[in-house]
Amino acid sequence: MRLILASKSPRRRELLSLITSDFTVMSEEVDERGIEEEVLQDGGDAREVQRELARQKAAAVFDALTDEQKKDAIVIGADTSVVCDGQILGKPEDKNDARRMLRMLSGKTHEVITGVCVRTQEKEEVFEEVTRVVFGELDEYQTELIERYIATDEPYDKAGAYGIQQGGALLVDTVEGDYFNVVGLPVRRLAYVLEHFLI
């Protein structure tokens, strides 16, 4: 079987390599904002949004394969979001937006939700992993950390405007659940699912 990661994220590539080095990377554009709005309008929640985004990303790559390639392909789609006070936080638009998000997260517990879809020609499994993250209180020290952090390039390609594996780690107080899920891929659960696909 040929394993394909349907993501451009270098972080997901690194995490998948903890499971196996034998995979290729392909990605196709999907209308993430449109999918999110459609799921929420239909009464879905953030978890359903992430599952649907993962499903659509995997489907887009699978559909781009030739009929011959589809026969032995396993495609992994994934999408991660940060949810605070019931609001889904995407990637920040600019420095002010990053500051707003990080101040909003400070002193609170938020959820990091990664939806994952594993599919072949015969079957598909979709799941989500949820990790609870607590940021430090918004005191003078946290405020200074936020200003330092948004002056770097790190926040701007990440949901919720932070990467826990980089400078964003200083903003975090505690993590409850799968740390790797916050980085972008729940590796233990994914490894378990893949094992059953390969049997």
Protein backbone atom coordinates (compact mmCIF):
# COMPACT_ATOMS: atom_id res chain seq x y z
CA MET A 1 0.00 0.00 0.00
CA ARG A 2 1.11 3.55 -0.72
CA LEU A 3 0.63 5.99 2.15
CA ILE A 4 -0.16 9.61 1.20
CA LEU A 5 -0.33 12.55 3.60
CA ALA A 6 -2.84 15.08 2.27
CA SER A 7 -1.23 18.10 3.93
CA LYS A 8 1.38 20.75 3.19
CA SER A 9 2.14 21.17 6.90
CA PRO A 10 5.81 20.48 7.71
CA ARG A 11 4.75 19.74 11.30
CA ARG A 12 2.38 16.96 10.20
CA ARG A 13 5.10 15.56 7.96
CA GLU A 14 7.49 15.38 10.94
CA LEU A 15 4.84 13.77 13.14
CA LEU A 16 3.85 11.15 10.57
CA SER A 17 7.53 10.24 10.25
CA LEU A 18 7.35 9.10 13.90
CA ILE A 19 5.01 6.34 12.66
CA THR A 20 6.67 5.58 9.32
CA SER A 21 9.15 7.12 6.90
CA ASP A 22 7.46 5.42 3.95
CA PHE A 23 4.95 8.03 2.75
CA THR A 24 4.53 10.75 0.14
CA VAL A 25 2.94 14.18 0.44
CA MET A 26 0.19 15.55 -1.80
CA SER A 27 -2.31 18.33 -1.21
CA GLU A 28 -5.29 19.79 -3.01
CA GLU A 29 -7.03 23.06 -2.13
CA VAL A 30 -10.39 22.90 -0.37
CA ASP A 31 -12.67 25.76 0.68
CA GLU A 32 -11.99 25.56 4.42
CA ARG A 33 -14.02 28.64 5.35
CA GLY A 34 -16.97 27.48 3.23
CA ILE A 35 -16.90 23.97 4.74
CA GLU A 36 -16.77 25.39 8.27
CA GLU A 37 -19.71 27.72 7.63
CA GLU A 38 -21.78 24.94 6.05
CA VAL A 39 -21.27 22.53 8.97
CA LEU A 40 -22.06 25.22 11.56
CA GLN A 41 -25.16 26.35 9.66
CA ASP A 42 -26.39 22.75 9.68
CA GLY A 43 -26.14 22.75 13.48
CA GLY A 44 -22.75 21.04 13.70
CA ASP A 45 -20.10 21.88 16.28
CA ALA A 46 -16.33 22.41 16.13
CA ARG A 47 -15.62 18.68 16.30
CA GLU A 48 -17.84 18.02 13.31
CA VAL A 49 -16.15 20.89 11.45
CA GLN A 50 -12.73 19.28 11.97
CA ARG A 51 -13.94 15.84 10.92
CA GLU A 52 -15.50 17.24 7.76
CA LEU A 53 -12.42 19.28 6.88
CA ALA A 54 -10.24 16.17 7.29
CA ARG A 55 -12.67 14.14 5.17
CA GLN A 56 -12.75 16.73 2.40
CA LYS A 57 -8.95 17.13 2.35
CA ALA A 58 -8.48 13.36 2.06
CA ALA A 59 -11.20 13.13 -0.60
CA ALA A 60 -9.66 15.92 -2.69
CA VAL A 61 -6.32 14.12 -2.84
CA PHE A 62 -7.89 10.69 -3.37
CA ASP A 63 -10.00 12.02 -6.25
CA ALA A 64 -6.87 13.47 -7.89
CA LEU A 65 -5.27 10.01 -8.12
CA THR A 66 -5.55 7.84 -11.21
CA ASP A 67 -7.75 4.73 -11.04
CA GLU A 68 -4.60 2.61 -10.88
CA GLN A 69 -3.11 4.67 -8.03
CA LYS A 70 -6.36 4.47 -6.03
CA LYS A 71 -6.13 0.68 -5.85
CA ASP A 72 -3.31 0.66 -3.30
CA ALA A 73 -3.49 4.18 -1.81
CA ILE A 74 -4.10 5.06 1.84
CA VAL A 75 -4.74 8.80 2.13
CA ILE A 76 -4.54 10.70 5.44
CA GLY A 77 -6.32 14.06 5.71
CA ALA A 78 -6.09 16.21 8.84
CA ASP A 79 -7.08 19.63 10.10
CA THR A 80 -6.51 21.30 13.46
CA SER A 81 -8.37 24.14 15.13
CA VAL A 82 -8.30 25.99 18.43
CA VAL A 83 -11.65 26.52 20.16
CA CYS A 84 -12.08 29.05 22.97
CA ASP A 85 -15.38 30.16 24.51
CA GLY A 86 -17.20 28.31 21.73
CA GLN A 87 -15.35 30.25 19.02
CA ILE A 88 -13.21 28.51 16.39
CA LEU A 89 -9.92 30.38 16.01
CA GLY A 90 -8.24 30.04 12.64
CA LYS A 91 -4.93 31.51 11.53
CA PRO A 92 -4.48 35.19 12.43
CA GLU A 93 -4.84 37.74 9.65
CA ASP A 94 -2.17 40.08 11.00
CA LYS A 95 -0.28 41.16 14.12
CA ASN A 96 -3.32 42.74 15.76
CA ASP A 97 -5.39 39.62 15.15
CA ALA A 98 -2.65 37.43 16.64
CA ARG A 99 -2.47 39.68 19.69
CA ARG A 100 -6.27 39.51 20.09
CA MET A 101 -6.28 35.71 19.94
CA LEU A 102 -3.40 35.21 22.36
CA ARG A 103 -4.87 37.66 24.87
CA MET A 104 -8.23 35.91 24.53
CA LEU A 105 -6.61 32.52 25.27
CA SER A 106 -4.66 33.78 28.29
CA GLY A 107 -5.95 32.69 31.68
CA LYS A 108 -8.36 30.20 30.11
CA THR A 109 -8.66 26.57 29.09
CA HIS A 110 -9.17 26.01 25.38
CA GLU A 111 -9.53 22.92 23.21
CA VAL A 112 -7.28 21.94 20.35
CA ILE A 113 -9.24 19.66 18.01
CA THR A 114 -7.64 17.70 15.18
CA GLY A 115 -9.90 15.90 12.75
CA VAL A 116 -8.30 12.97 10.92
CA CYS A 117 -9.57 10.96 7.94
CA VAL A 118 -7.91 7.76 6.74
CA ARG A 119 -9.33 6.40 3.50
CA THR A 120 -8.76 3.81 0.83
CA GLN A 121 -10.84 2.71 -2.13
CA GLU A 122 -12.73 0.29 0.14
CA LYS A 123 -13.16 2.11 3.43
CA GLU A 124 -12.87 5.34 5.36
CA GLU A 125 -12.41 6.13 9.05
CA VAL A 126 -12.86 9.63 10.44
CA PHE A 127 -12.16 10.66 14.03
CA GLU A 128 -11.18 13.67 16.09
CA GLU A 129 -8.77 14.05 18.99
CA VAL A 130 -9.27 16.76 21.62
CA THR A 131 -6.55 18.18 23.88
CA ARG A 132 -7.24 20.78 26.58
CA VAL A 133 -4.62 23.53 26.91
CA VAL A 134 -4.41 26.15 29.67
CA PHE A 135 -2.62 29.44 28.97
CA GLY A 136 -0.93 31.50 31.67
CA GLU A 137 -2.81 34.40 33.24
CA LEU A 138 -2.77 37.69 31.33
CA ASP A 139 -0.41 39.47 33.71
CA GLU A 140 2.46 41.79 32.85
CA TYR A 141 4.78 38.86 32.11
CA GLN A 142 2.28 37.12 29.77
CA THR A 143 1.54 40.41 28.00
CA GLU A 144 5.27 40.91 27.37
CA LEU A 145 5.61 37.31 26.11
CA ILE A 146 2.73 37.86 23.68
CA GLU A 147 4.33 41.03 22.29
CA ARG A 148 7.65 39.25 21.84
CA TYR A 149 5.96 36.27 20.20
CA ILE A 150 3.89 38.23 17.68
CA ALA A 151 7.06 40.04 16.61
CA THR A 152 8.34 36.69 15.24
CA ASP A 153 7.08 34.83 12.15
CA GLU A 154 5.74 31.91 14.17
CA PRO A 155 2.07 32.77 14.91
CA TYR A 156 0.86 33.54 11.41
CA ASP A 157 0.46 30.07 9.88
CA LYS A 158 -1.03 28.46 12.97
CA ALA A 159 -4.58 28.09 14.27
CA GLY A 160 -5.02 30.14 17.43
CA ALA A 161 -1.83 32.07 16.59
CA TYR A 162 0.58 29.81 18.45
CA GLY A 163 2.76 26.75 18.02
CA ILE A 164 3.30 24.82 21.25
CA GLN A 165 6.46 23.18 19.87
CA GLN A 166 8.14 26.59 19.37
CA GLY A 167 8.08 29.92 21.19
CA GLY A 168 4.38 29.53 21.94
CA ALA A 169 5.35 26.98 24.60
CA LEU A 170 6.16 29.88 26.95
CA LEU A 171 2.52 31.01 26.88
CA VAL A 172 1.21 27.60 27.96
CA ASP A 173 0.66 26.60 31.58
CA THR A 174 -0.63 23.01 31.30
CA VAL A 175 -1.65 20.44 28.67
CA GLU A 176 -4.24 17.73 29.29
CA GLY A 177 -4.26 15.03 26.63
CA ASP A 178 -2.16 14.28 23.55
CA TYR A 179 0.62 16.87 23.21
CA PHE A 180 1.29 15.88 19.59
CA ASN A 181 -2.34 16.62 18.79
CA VAL A 182 -1.65 20.27 19.64
CA VAL A 183 1.28 20.22 17.21
CA GLY A 184 -1.06 18.90 14.50
CA LEU A 185 -1.46 15.11 14.49
CA PRO A 186 -2.51 12.61 17.21
CA VAL A 187 0.23 10.12 16.39
CA ARG A 188 -0.64 7.29 18.79
CA ARG A 189 -4.29 7.10 17.73
CA LEU A 190 -3.39 7.49 14.06
CA ALA A 191 -0.80 4.70 14.33
CA TYR A 192 -3.49 2.43 15.81
CA VAL A 193 -5.94 3.23 13.00
CA LEU A 194 -3.31 2.75 10.30
CA GLU A 195 -2.32 -0.62 11.76
CA HIS A 196 -5.89 -1.82 11.26
CA PHE A 197 -6.00 -0.47 7.71
CA LEU A 198 -2.85 -2.42 6.83
CA ILE A 199 -4.07 -5.73 8.27
